Structures are given as C-alpha cells and as structure tokens.
C-alpha cells in the first residue's frame, strides 16, 4: 500500500484529508516527524487561514526544508488550498507581503471578485495532459478562498516536461491546480469534493507507484 504523510504543522483541515486519502487507498500517517515526512511515498501539505500564519507554522517545524528536500529529490508533494499558495514566492494579504517557499515564481493576491470568499462548488478547465483530472475533467470541486495565484510565469526548458496547469474563474481566471514534476497542488479541497475529490486523490496516488 502506498504510504502518505499528511503534514501536521498546526493548520489545515488535516483529519478530513486523512480520511479522504484512506478512502482513496493510501496508508496514511498524520505527523510532522521529519524522518517520516521525508521517507513517505507522498507528502500532503494542507493549509487553511492566512498565508502568513501558514508560513510561520510551516517553518516552525522546518516544513520548508522538508518540502524543498523532497522536491529536489523528485519525491512527490501535494499542496492543498493555502498549502498550494505558499509554494509561490510571495503572498500579499491586506497589504502584508509574506515570503513564500519559492518553489514557483509569482505572487498570490486577492481575487478581483465582487463577492469574497469564493466559497462553494466550481468547474475547472484542466490541462489536456493532466493526470490529476483524468476521468473527472467535467466534475465540480469545492473551493473556500479569497486569494490565489492568477498568473504562471515559470518557464521550463526541455528535456524537462512542461507544467500542467488547470484554471478556474471567480472574478477572473486563477490557478485551480498545478502539476509540475514531483510537485502538485490544488487550490480547492479534494477532501471536501466528494467522489470527484477521492478520484483525484486516487489519480495522485497512482503517480506515486511509478
């Protein structure tokens, strides 16, 4: 069975993430233990709340180092919601600019929508080559957020594969998911997205076995 650590650093909807991953067929451990997080087949980084608070909690248990080491070694990581946002260089919330993990260039900013937060079910436009959305291209997913990455500037040169980008709309286009080598992330909550979310997690787990 595929081993997954849900990184427990004091923020995020961790228990529903654990349950969803178990339903998807993973052997799940909830911990912030460094050795376990580095050695698991997959690492899931959830995140709920303010960008700055999530970054502070993550770095307090050296989660930034763990994520960086896993990605550098080609070991899969999945970020969820603010766990996706902190993968970018910066997050700007209410005038406060917080440094992110910098795995991807760009800044997370407030959505230009008349109603915030963006809360509820929404469709997405998956990349044609997406693995995460295989078989669920037309499904809806559950979002709860006011901020997102609204552009993608990372340029990847061959022989490295091009990142697979999935977009959604709320006041304008924003990144709903990214698949970039070992590093994947969703702005929505797969663990709150019913059967479609479980299917997506199964698709991600399948990539860990290769």
Foldseek 3Di string as FASTA:
>chain_A
DAEEEEEPLPFFPRPLVQVLLVVLPYDYDYYNDLVSLQPGLEYEYEHDDDLQVSQVSCVVSPVLVSVVVCVVVLRAYEYEASRVQLCEQWEADPNDIDGGSHVFYAYKYFAQAPDPDPFAKFAKQWFPPDLLCVPPNGAIFTAHGGIAGQDHDDDDDPPADDKIFMWTDHNHIGTQWIDGRRYIYGNTDLSPGPPSSSSSSNSNSVVSVD
